Amino acid sequence: MVSKPKEVTVSPEKNQGGSNLSDDLPNWLVFSLILVAIITIFILGLYFSQFNGPWGSQDRFAQFGDFIGGTLNPILGFATVGLLVWSIRIQLKELKETREELKATKNETARSADALLAQVRLASQDFKLREITRAINEQVQRYDELISNTIINSNQYVSCLRSLSPHTLSLKELLNGIWHDHPLNSEQLIRFQTVSQSDYIDKSSEVPWEDCVSIVIIIGALSIEYEHYSSSIGDDKLSIVSLINFQNNYRRSKKLKFFINDENLDSVIDLASKYINIKP
């Protein structure tokens, strides 16, 4: 038993290959062509009904040609002009659509170029931020190693500890106010401050204060550069990384400032304070 095939309905939108004449030609042109065909048939019918003589005479064919030429040529000429006008309108429409497509393509190409340029700029800025972060981390590591490995043994500093034993103190412990896990009291810190400031002025200290100051200055400059690039790819708010960089460098500078007087430290502290919105 053969089943009845299903009927397939083709929507006008999908029937692109089988469009009829009315879909391709304007209504006025279709009407004109039909009118021309009707007039042509009418004229031929009129001729044969009125002048139905023999066919073999050359004069008859000449007369027939003159009749057709005199009556149908103007009509066919009008139809030709109509087709020409329609053809020109179609070409102008296609030219307009082509221009619009070219304009859209040009705009899309421009947007693609802008997006690519933005990606390249973003990648370049991201690489720069990573390089600055690496440089900051190197300086922080250098600073931590410097204060951790510096052991203060001079008599002037040892005398500040008095009866405490053993009489050794690292620069890191001094800056943090801690001696062998015990906090230094205010009297001891004041004595250390007096000795440090005196030695720093006389340039006779064995403590590498100048190296510490140089490092915090470098970290401060790198933090500003990081914030500059970070703000150029985001909003105007201070980034979390920049905030941490400025806060940590602010603390380092304040600890150093307690023991030595250096104008460069004042500049670092003022600048960091401005970024993290605190009073120095």
C-alpha atoms as a PDB file:
ATOM      1  CA  MET A   1       0.000   0.000   0.000  1.00  0.00           C
ATOM      2  CA  VAL A   2       1.482   3.273  -1.101  1.00  0.00           C
ATOM      3  CA  SER A   3       0.977   6.177   1.254  1.00  0.00           C
ATOM      4  CA  LYS A   4      -0.162   9.477  -0.095  1.00  0.00           C
ATOM      5  CA  PRO A   5       2.717  11.907  -0.387  1.00  0.00           C
ATOM      6  CA  LYS A   6       2.545  14.896   1.893  1.00  0.00           C
ATOM      7  CA  GLU A   7       1.854  18.223   0.303  1.00  0.00           C
ATOM      8  CA  VAL A   8       4.696  20.653   0.622  1.00  0.00           C
ATOM      9  CA  THR A   9       3.786  24.288   1.011  1.00  0.00           C
ATOM     10  CA  VAL A  10       6.431  26.741  -0.085  1.00  0.00           C
ATOM     11  CA  SER A  11       6.230  30.128   1.555  1.00  0.00           C
ATOM     12  CA  PRO A  12       6.734  33.230  -0.570  1.00  0.00           C
ATOM     13  CA  GLU A  13       9.927  34.042   1.369  1.00  0.00           C
ATOM     14  CA  LYS A  14      11.518  30.677   0.524  1.00  0.00           C
ATOM     15  CA  ASN A  15      10.352  30.505  -3.111  1.00  0.00           C
ATOM     16  CA  GLN A  16      13.217  32.595  -4.367  1.00  0.00           C
ATOM     17  CA  GLY A  17      13.835  30.692  -7.590  1.00  0.00           C
ATOM     18  CA  GLY A  18      10.285  30.657  -8.978  1.00  0.00           C
ATOM     19  CA  SER A  19       9.090  34.220  -8.692  1.00  0.00           C
ATOM     20  CA  ASN A  20       6.447  35.244 -11.246  1.00  0.00           C
ATOM     21  CA  LEU A  21       6.494  38.205 -13.556  1.00  0.00           C
ATOM     22  CA  SER A  22       4.617  40.475 -11.170  1.00  0.00           C
ATOM     23  CA  ASP A  23       7.344  39.962  -8.566  1.00  0.00           C
ATOM     24  CA  ASP A  24      10.045  41.179 -10.978  1.00  0.00           C
ATOM     25  CA  LEU A  25       8.223  43.926 -12.904  1.00  0.00           C
ATOM     26  CA  PRO A  26       6.269  46.874 -11.539  1.00  0.00           C
ATOM     27  CA  ASN A  27       2.500  46.766 -11.953  1.00  0.00           C
ATOM     28  CA  TRP A  28       2.378  49.653 -14.404  1.00  0.00           C
ATOM     29  CA  LEU A  29       4.880  47.941 -16.713  1.00  0.00           C
ATOM     30  CA  VAL A  30       3.025  44.611 -16.594  1.00  0.00           C
ATOM     31  CA  PHE A  31      -0.210  46.426 -17.442  1.00  0.00           C
ATOM     32  CA  SER A  32       1.496  48.269 -20.322  1.00  0.00           C
ATOM     33  CA  LEU A  33       2.891  45.050 -21.819  1.00  0.00           C
ATOM     34  CA  ILE A  34      -0.496  43.362 -21.622  1.00  0.00           C
ATOM     35  CA  LEU A  35      -2.085  46.414 -23.247  1.00  0.00           C
ATOM     36  CA  VAL A  36       0.511  46.374 -26.037  1.00  0.00           C
ATOM     37  CA  ALA A  37      -0.175  42.677 -26.680  1.00  0.00           C
ATOM     38  CA  ILE A  38      -3.912  43.284 -26.802  1.00  0.00           C
ATOM     39  CA  ILE A  39      -3.522  46.227 -29.197  1.00  0.00           C
ATOM     40  CA  THR A  40      -1.181  44.187 -31.400  1.00  0.00           C
ATOM     41  CA  ILE A  41      -3.661  41.327 -31.621  1.00  0.00           C
ATOM     42  CA  PHE A  42      -6.465  43.798 -32.288  1.00  0.00           C
ATOM     43  CA  ILE A  43      -4.560  45.492 -35.126  1.00  0.00           C
ATOM     44  CA  LEU A  44      -3.626  42.193 -36.745  1.00  0.00           C
ATOM     45  CA  GLY A  45      -7.222  41.018 -36.461  1.00  0.00           C
ATOM     46  CA  LEU A  46      -8.470  44.292 -37.916  1.00  0.00           C
ATOM     47  CA  TYR A  47      -6.104  44.018 -40.856  1.00  0.00           C
ATOM     48  CA  PHE A  48      -6.991  40.482 -41.780  1.00  0.00           C
ATOM     49  CA  SER A  49     -10.680  41.112 -41.353  1.00  0.00           C
ATOM     50  CA  GLN A  50     -10.683  44.171 -43.634  1.00  0.00           C
ATOM     51  CA  PHE A  51      -7.965  43.302 -46.148  1.00  0.00           C
ATOM     52  CA  ASN A  52      -8.214  39.571 -46.680  1.00  0.00           C
ATOM     53  CA  GLY A  53      -6.840  39.381 -50.210  1.00  0.00           C
ATOM     54  CA  PRO A  54      -4.484  36.790 -51.737  1.00  0.00           C
ATOM     55  CA  TRP A  55      -1.155  36.096 -49.979  1.00  0.00           C
ATOM     56  CA  GLY A  56       1.141  35.649 -52.892  1.00  0.00           C
ATOM     57  CA  SER A  57       1.280  39.252 -54.150  1.00  0.00           C
ATOM     58  CA  GLN A  58       4.436  41.208 -53.272  1.00  0.00           C
ATOM     59  CA  ASP A  59       2.423  44.368 -53.126  1.00  0.00           C
ATOM     60  CA  ARG A  60       0.189  42.798 -50.530  1.00  0.00           C
ATOM     61  CA  PHE A  61       3.147  41.969 -48.322  1.00  0.00           C
ATOM     62  CA  ALA A  62       4.533  45.503 -48.775  1.00  0.00           C
ATOM     63  CA  GLN A  63       1.226  46.982 -47.784  1.00  0.00           C
ATOM     64  CA  PHE A  64       1.020  44.614 -44.851  1.00  0.00           C
ATOM     65  CA  GLY A  65       4.503  45.700 -43.715  1.00  0.00           C
ATOM     66  CA  ASP A  66       3.678  49.386 -44.023  1.00  0.00           C
ATOM     67  CA  PHE A  67       0.493  48.859 -42.053  1.00  0.00           C
ATOM     68  CA  ILE A  68       2.265  47.005 -39.255  1.00  0.00           C
ATOM     69  CA  GLY A  69       5.128  49.497 -39.194  1.00  0.00           C
ATOM     70  CA  GLY A  70       2.856  52.498 -39.086  1.00  0.00           C
ATOM     71  CA  THR A  71       0.626  51.207 -36.331  1.00  0.00           C
ATOM     72  CA  LEU A  72       2.736  48.942 -34.156  1.00  0.00           C
ATOM     73  CA  ASN A  73       6.096  50.730 -34.232  1.00  0.00           C
ATOM     74  CA  PRO A  74       4.980  53.635 -32.001  1.00  0.00           C
ATOM     75  CA  ILE A  75       3.376  51.198 -29.581  1.00  0.00           C
ATOM     76  CA  LEU A  76       6.427  48.939 -29.500  1.00  0.00           C
ATOM     77  CA  GLY A  77       8.655  51.994 -29.168  1.00  0.00           C
ATOM     78  CA  PHE A  78       6.651  53.108 -26.163  1.00  0.00           C
ATOM     79  CA  ALA A  79       7.009  49.617 -24.682  1.00  0.00           C
ATOM     80  CA  THR A  80      10.755  49.726 -25.313  1.00  0.00           C
ATOM     81  CA  VAL A  81      11.053  53.075 -23.560  1.00  0.00           C
ATOM     82  CA  GLY A  82       9.092  51.661 -20.619  1.00  0.00           C
ATOM     83  CA  LEU A  83      11.404  48.663 -20.385  1.00  0.00           C
ATOM     84  CA  LEU A  84      14.429  50.954 -20.607  1.00  0.00           C
ATOM     85  CA  VAL A  85      13.109  53.168 -17.785  1.00  0.00           C
ATOM     86  CA  TRP A  86      12.406  50.094 -15.689  1.00  0.00           C
ATOM     87  CA  SER A  87      15.907  48.733 -16.379  1.00  0.00           C
ATOM     88  CA  ILE A  88      17.507  52.040 -15.356  1.00  0.00           C
ATOM     89  CA  ARG A  89      15.481  52.134 -12.145  1.00  0.00           C
ATOM     90  CA  ILE A  90      16.563  48.582 -11.323  1.00  0.00           C
ATOM     91  CA  GLN A  91      20.213  49.490 -11.932  1.00  0.00           C
ATOM     92  CA  LEU A  92      19.925  52.602  -9.776  1.00  0.00           C
ATOM     93  CA  LYS A  93      18.315  50.564  -7.001  1.00  0.00           C
ATOM     94  CA  GLU A  94      21.061  47.940  -7.173  1.00  0.00           C
ATOM     95  CA  LEU A  95      23.707  50.671  -7.201  1.00  0.00           C
ATOM     96  CA  LYS A  96      22.169  52.239  -4.101  1.00  0.00           C
ATOM     97  CA  GLU A  97      22.087  48.880  -2.325  1.00  0.00           C
ATOM     98  CA  THR A  98      25.705  48.261  -3.317  1.00  0.00           C
ATOM     99  CA  ARG A  99      26.738  51.621  -1.913  1.00  0.00           C
ATOM    100  CA  GLU A 100      24.907  50.900   1.324  1.00  0.00           C
ATOM    101  CA  GLU A 101      26.597  47.507   1.587  1.00  0.00           C
ATOM    102  CA  LEU A 102      29.999  49.061   0.923  1.00  0.00           C
ATOM    103  CA  LYS A 103      29.311  51.716   3.543  1.00  0.00           C
ATOM    104  CA  ALA A 104      28.238  49.062   6.065  1.00  0.00           C
ATOM    105  CA  THR A 105      31.334  47.004   5.232  1.00  0.00           C
ATOM    106  CA  LYS A 106      33.520  50.068   5.659  1.00  0.00           C
ATOM    107  CA  ASN A 107      31.964  50.833   9.048  1.00  0.00           C
ATOM    108  CA  GLU A 108      32.342  47.225  10.162  1.00  0.00           C
ATOM    109  CA  THR A 109      35.978  47.220   9.041  1.00  0.00           C
ATOM    110  CA  ALA A 110      36.584  50.429  10.978  1.00  0.00           C
ATOM    111  CA  ARG A 111      34.968  48.960  14.094  1.00  0.00           C
ATOM    112  CA  SER A 112      37.047  45.795  13.718  1.00  0.00           C
ATOM    113  CA  ALA A 113      40.209  47.870  13.353  1.00  0.00           C
ATOM    114  CA  ASP A 114      39.333  49.902  16.443  1.00  0.00           C
ATOM    115  CA  ALA A 115      38.627  46.726  18.427  1.00  0.00           C
ATOM    116  CA  LEU A 116      41.929  45.197  17.303  1.00  0.00           C
ATOM    117  CA  LEU A 117      43.797  48.380  18.179  1.00  0.00           C
ATOM    118  CA  ALA A 118      42.145  48.417  21.615  1.00  0.00           C
ATOM    119  CA  GLN A 119      43.171  44.796  22.175  1.00  0.00           C
ATOM    120  CA  VAL A 120      46.762  45.569  21.199  1.00  0.00           C
ATOM    121  CA  ARG A 121      46.797  48.613  23.481  1.00  0.00           C
ATOM    122  CA  LEU A 122      45.298  46.584  26.327  1.00  0.00           C
ATOM    123  CA  ALA A 123      47.849  43.793  25.860  1.00  0.00           C
ATOM    124  CA  SER A 124      50.680  46.326  25.829  1.00  0.00           C
ATOM    125  CA  GLN A 125      49.421  47.993  29.005  1.00  0.00           C
ATOM    126  CA  ASP A 126      48.916  44.630  30.691  1.00  0.00           C
ATOM    127  CA  PHE A 127      52.488  43.653  29.843  1.00  0.00           C
ATOM    128  CA  LYS A 128      53.731  46.961  31.221  1.00  0.00           C
ATOM    129  CA  LEU A 129      51.797  46.424  34.472  1.00  0.00           C
ATOM    130  CA  ARG A 130      53.312  42.963  34.875  1.00  0.00           C
ATOM    131  CA  GLU A 131      56.801  44.376  34.337  1.00  0.00           C
ATOM    132  CA  ILE A 132      56.244  47.130  36.908  1.00  0.00           C
ATOM    133  CA  THR A 133      54.840  44.594  39.393  1.00  0.00           C
ATOM    134  CA  ARG A 134      57.908  42.419  38.908  1.00  0.00           C
ATOM    135  CA  ALA A 135      60.190  45.417  39.496  1.00  0.00           C
ATOM    136  CA  ILE A 136      58.286  46.401  42.667  1.00  0.00           C
ATOM    137  CA  ASN A 137      58.491  42.846  44.012  1.00  0.00           C
ATOM    138  CA  GLU A 138      62.236  42.770  43.351  1.00  0.00           C
ATOM    139  CA  GLN A 139      62.748  46.020  45.263  1.00  0.00           C
ATOM    140  CA  VAL A 140      60.554  44.823  48.149  1.00  0.00           C
ATOM    141  CA  GLN A 141      62.540  41.594  48.336  1.00  0.00           C
ATOM    142  CA  ARG A 142      65.771  43.552  48.260  1.00  0.00           C
ATOM    143  CA  TYR A 143      64.529  45.792  51.090  1.00  0.00           C
ATOM    144  CA  ASP A 144      63.400  42.830  53.229  1.00  0.00           C
ATOM    145  CA  GLU A 145      66.722  41.046  52.738  1.00  0.00           C
ATOM    146  CA  LEU A 146      68.642  44.214  53.569  1.00  0.00           C
ATOM    147  CA  ILE A 147      66.900  44.903  56.873  1.00  0.00           C
ATOM    148  CA  SER A 148      66.819  41.208  57.841  1.00  0.00           C
ATOM    149  CA  ASN A 149      70.513  40.587  57.165  1.00  0.00           C
ATOM    150  CA  THR A 150      71.791  43.791  58.738  1.00  0.00           C
ATOM    151  CA  ILE A 151      72.921  43.069  62.308  1.00  0.00           C
ATOM    152  CA  ILE A 152      73.625  46.117  64.449  1.00  0.00           C
ATOM    153  CA  ASN A 153      76.723  45.561  66.627  1.00  0.00           C
ATOM    154  CA  SER A 154      78.076  49.054  67.226  1.00  0.00           C
ATOM    155  CA  ASN A 155      78.614  50.105  70.818  1.00  0.00           C
ATOM    156  CA  GLN A 156      76.327  53.075  70.453  1.00  0.00           C
ATOM    157  CA  TYR A 157      73.370  50.873  69.511  1.00  0.00           C
ATOM    158  CA  VAL A 158      74.318  48.064  71.900  1.00  0.00           C
ATOM    159  CA  SER A 159      74.422  50.521  74.777  1.00  0.00           C
ATOM    160  CA  CYS A 160      70.777  51.328  74.066  1.00  0.00           C
ATOM    161  CA  LEU A 161      69.899  47.774  75.036  1.00  0.00           C
ATOM    162  CA  ARG A 162      71.741  48.136  78.361  1.00  0.00           C
ATOM    163  CA  SER A 163      71.246  45.019  80.461  1.00  0.00           C
ATOM    164  CA  LEU A 164      69.433  43.090  77.727  1.00  0.00           C
ATOM    165  CA  SER A 165      71.286  40.036  76.492  1.00  0.00           C
ATOM    166  CA  PRO A 166      72.373  39.002  73.914  1.00  0.00           C
ATOM    167  CA  HIS A 167      73.436  42.431  72.695  1.00  0.00           C
ATOM    168  CA  THR A 168      72.585  41.903  69.002  1.00  0.00           C
ATOM    169  CA  LEU A 169      69.778  43.503  67.040  1.00  0.00           C
ATOM    170  CA  SER A 170      68.753  43.255  63.393  1.00  0.00           C
ATOM    171  CA  LEU A 171      67.633  46.304  61.479  1.00  0.00           C
ATOM    172  CA  LYS A 172      64.280  44.617  60.857  1.00  0.00           C
ATOM    173  CA  GLU A 173      63.756  44.202  64.610  1.00  0.00           C
ATOM    174  CA  LEU A 174      64.728  47.807  65.192  1.00  0.00           C
ATOM    175  CA  LEU A 175      62.286  49.121  62.565  1.00  0.00           C
ATOM    176  CA  ASN A 176      59.491  46.947  63.944  1.00  0.00           C
ATOM    177  CA  GLY A 177      60.309  47.908  67.564  1.00  0.00           C
ATOM    178  CA  ILE A 178      60.875  44.274  68.522  1.00  0.00           C
ATOM    179  CA  TRP A 179      63.907  42.686  70.182  1.00  0.00           C
ATOM    180  CA  HIS A 180      63.958  38.896  70.318  1.00  0.00           C
ATOM    181  CA  ASP A 181      60.165  38.730  70.056  1.00  0.00           C
ATOM    182  CA  HIS A 182      59.784  41.316  72.801  1.00  0.00           C
ATOM    183  CA  PRO A 183      58.623  44.842  72.009  1.00  0.00           C
ATOM    184  CA  LEU A 184      61.066  47.631  72.738  1.00  0.00           C
ATOM    185  CA  ASN A 185      59.740  50.178  75.152  1.00  0.00           C
ATOM    186  CA  SER A 186      59.444  53.841  74.326  1.00  0.00           C
ATOM    187  CA  GLU A 187      62.599  54.740  76.265  1.00  0.00           C
ATOM    188  CA  GLN A 188      64.701  52.297  74.278  1.00  0.00           C
ATOM    189  CA  LEU A 189      63.178  53.458  71.006  1.00  0.00           C
ATOM    190  CA  ILE A 190      63.957  57.091  71.861  1.00  0.00           C
ATOM    191  CA  ARG A 191      67.591  56.168  72.594  1.00  0.00           C
ATOM    192  CA  PHE A 192      67.833  54.320  69.285  1.00  0.00           C
ATOM    193  CA  GLN A 193      66.251  57.270  67.519  1.00  0.00           C
ATOM    194  CA  THR A 194      68.795  59.696  69.006  1.00  0.00           C
ATOM    195  CA  VAL A 195      71.755  57.519  68.033  1.00  0.00           C
ATOM    196  CA  SER A 196      70.414  56.835  64.527  1.00  0.00           C
ATOM    197  CA  GLN A 197      69.711  60.456  63.712  1.00  0.00           C
ATOM    198  CA  SER A 198      73.141  61.508  64.955  1.00  0.00           C
ATOM    199  CA  ASP A 199      74.935  58.811  62.963  1.00  0.00           C
ATOM    200  CA  TYR A 200      72.911  59.547  59.845  1.00  0.00           C
ATOM    201  CA  ILE A 201      73.823  63.233  59.989  1.00  0.00           C
ATOM    202  CA  ASP A 202      77.524  62.442  60.536  1.00  0.00           C
ATOM    203  CA  LYS A 203      77.479  59.761  57.823  1.00  0.00           C
ATOM    204  CA  SER A 204      79.235  57.452  60.265  1.00  0.00           C
ATOM    205  CA  SER A 205      76.560  54.814  60.798  1.00  0.00           C
ATOM    206  CA  GLU A 206      77.188  51.189  59.938  1.00  0.00           C
ATOM    207  CA  VAL A 207      73.455  50.817  59.355  1.00  0.00           C
ATOM    208  CA  PRO A 208      72.600  51.087  55.595  1.00  0.00           C
ATOM    209  CA  TRP A 209      70.023  53.819  56.074  1.00  0.00           C
ATOM    210  CA  GLU A 210      70.767  55.424  52.709  1.00  0.00           C
ATOM    211  CA  ASP A 211      70.212  52.138  50.881  1.00  0.00           C
ATOM    212  CA  CYS A 212      66.864  51.739  52.625  1.00  0.00           C
ATOM    213  CA  VAL A 213      65.835  55.263  51.643  1.00  0.00           C
ATOM    214  CA  SER A 214      66.871  54.672  48.016  1.00  0.00           C
ATOM    215  CA  ILE A 215      64.776  51.508  47.831  1.00  0.00           C
ATOM    216  CA  VAL A 216      61.596  53.108  49.190  1.00  0.00           C
ATOM    217  CA  ILE A 217      62.057  56.002  46.730  1.00  0.00           C
ATOM    218  CA  ILE A 218      62.289  53.520  43.843  1.00  0.00           C
ATOM    219  CA  ILE A 219      59.229  51.626  45.093  1.00  0.00           C
ATOM    220  CA  GLY A 220      57.309  54.893  45.354  1.00  0.00           C
ATOM    221  CA  ALA A 221      58.186  55.865  41.775  1.00  0.00           C
ATOM    222  CA  LEU A 222      57.238  52.405  40.480  1.00  0.00           C
ATOM    223  CA  SER A 223      53.925  52.558  42.387  1.00  0.00           C
ATOM    224  CA  ILE A 224      53.076  55.860  40.696  1.00  0.00           C
ATOM    225  CA  GLU A 225      53.928  54.402  37.290  1.00  0.00           C
ATOM    226  CA  TYR A 226      51.781  51.337  38.012  1.00  0.00           C
ATOM    227  CA  GLU A 227      48.824  53.519  38.989  1.00  0.00           C
ATOM    228  CA  HIS A 228      49.268  55.590  35.816  1.00  0.00           C
ATOM    229  CA  TYR A 229      48.973  52.546  33.549  1.00  0.00           C
ATOM    230  CA  SER A 230      46.297  50.936  35.713  1.00  0.00           C
ATOM    231  CA  SER A 231      44.031  54.001  35.584  1.00  0.00           C
ATOM    232  CA  SER A 232      44.433  54.278  31.791  1.00  0.00           C
ATOM    233  CA  ILE A 233      42.666  50.927  31.262  1.00  0.00           C
ATOM    234  CA  GLY A 234      40.046  51.256  34.004  1.00  0.00           C
ATOM    235  CA  ASP A 235      38.165  53.906  35.894  1.00  0.00           C
ATOM    236  CA  ASP A 236      39.626  56.804  37.839  1.00  0.00           C
ATOM    237  CA  LYS A 237      39.472  54.970  41.171  1.00  0.00           C
ATOM    238  CA  LEU A 238      42.656  53.746  42.823  1.00  0.00           C
ATOM    239  CA  SER A 239      43.176  50.059  42.013  1.00  0.00           C
ATOM    240  CA  ILE A 240      43.543  47.516  44.817  1.00  0.00           C
ATOM    241  CA  VAL A 241      47.114  46.700  43.785  1.00  0.00           C
ATOM    242  CA  SER A 242      48.081  50.383  43.751  1.00  0.00           C
ATOM    243  CA  LEU A 243      46.446  50.913  47.139  1.00  0.00           C
ATOM    244  CA  ILE A 244      48.432  48.035  48.642  1.00  0.00           C
ATOM    245  CA  ASN A 245      51.670  49.294  47.076  1.00  0.00           C
ATOM    246  CA  PHE A 246      51.205  52.809  48.476  1.00  0.00           C
ATOM    247  CA  GLN A 247      50.105  51.599  51.916  1.00  0.00           C
ATOM    248  CA  ASN A 248      53.082  49.259  52.315  1.00  0.00           C
ATOM    249  CA  ASN A 249      55.562  51.866  51.125  1.00  0.00           C
ATOM    250  CA  TYR A 250      53.955  54.422  53.429  1.00  0.00           C
ATOM    251  CA  ARG A 251      54.594  52.128  56.421  1.00  0.00           C
ATOM    252  CA  ARG A 252      58.201  51.500  55.398  1.00  0.00           C
ATOM    253  CA  SER A 253      58.853  55.206  55.011  1.00  0.00           C
ATOM    254  CA  LYS A 254      57.242  56.079  58.337  1.00  0.00           C
ATOM    255  CA  LYS A 255      59.380  53.505  60.170  1.00  0.00           C
ATOM    256  CA  LEU A 256      62.551  54.842  58.569  1.00  0.00           C
ATOM    257  CA  LYS A 257      61.470  58.423  59.252  1.00  0.00           C
ATOM    258  CA  PHE A 258      61.263  57.663  62.980  1.00  0.00           C
ATOM    259  CA  PHE A 259      64.985  56.888  63.124  1.00  0.00           C
ATOM    260  CA  ILE A 260      66.460  59.249  60.498  1.00  0.00           C
ATOM    261  CA  ASN A 261      65.676  62.686  59.129  1.00  0.00           C
ATOM    262  CA  ASP A 262      65.634  62.626  55.349  1.00  0.00           C
ATOM    263  CA  GLU A 263      63.726  65.019  53.115  1.00  0.00           C
ATOM    264  CA  ASN A 264      63.323  62.304  50.476  1.00  0.00           C
ATOM    265  CA  LEU A 265      61.340  60.263  52.970  1.00  0.00           C
ATOM    266  CA  ASP A 266      59.056  63.239  53.535  1.00  0.00           C
ATOM    267  CA  SER A 267      58.336  63.367  49.800  1.00  0.00           C
ATOM    268  CA  VAL A 268      57.606  59.630  49.652  1.00  0.00           C
ATOM    269  CA  ILE A 269      55.302  59.852  52.672  1.00  0.00           C
ATOM    270  CA  ASP A 270      53.454  62.906  51.343  1.00  0.00           C
ATOM    271  CA  LEU A 271      52.943  61.303  47.936  1.00  0.00           C
ATOM    272  CA  ALA A 272      51.720  57.994  49.358  1.00  0.00           C
ATOM    273  CA  SER A 273      49.402  59.860  51.727  1.00  0.00           C
ATOM    274  CA  LYS A 274      47.873  61.726  48.835  1.00  0.00           C
ATOM    275  CA  TYR A 275      47.019  58.485  47.020  1.00  0.00           C
ATOM    276  CA  ILE A 276      45.638  56.615  50.034  1.00  0.00           C
ATOM    277  CA  ASN A 277      43.886  59.701  51.464  1.00  0.00           C
ATOM    278  CA  ILE A 278      45.434  59.807  54.917  1.00  0.00           C
ATOM    279  CA  LYS A 279      47.246  62.558  56.788  1.00  0.00           C
ATOM    280  CA  PRO A 280      51.005  61.989  56.972  1.00  0.00           C
END
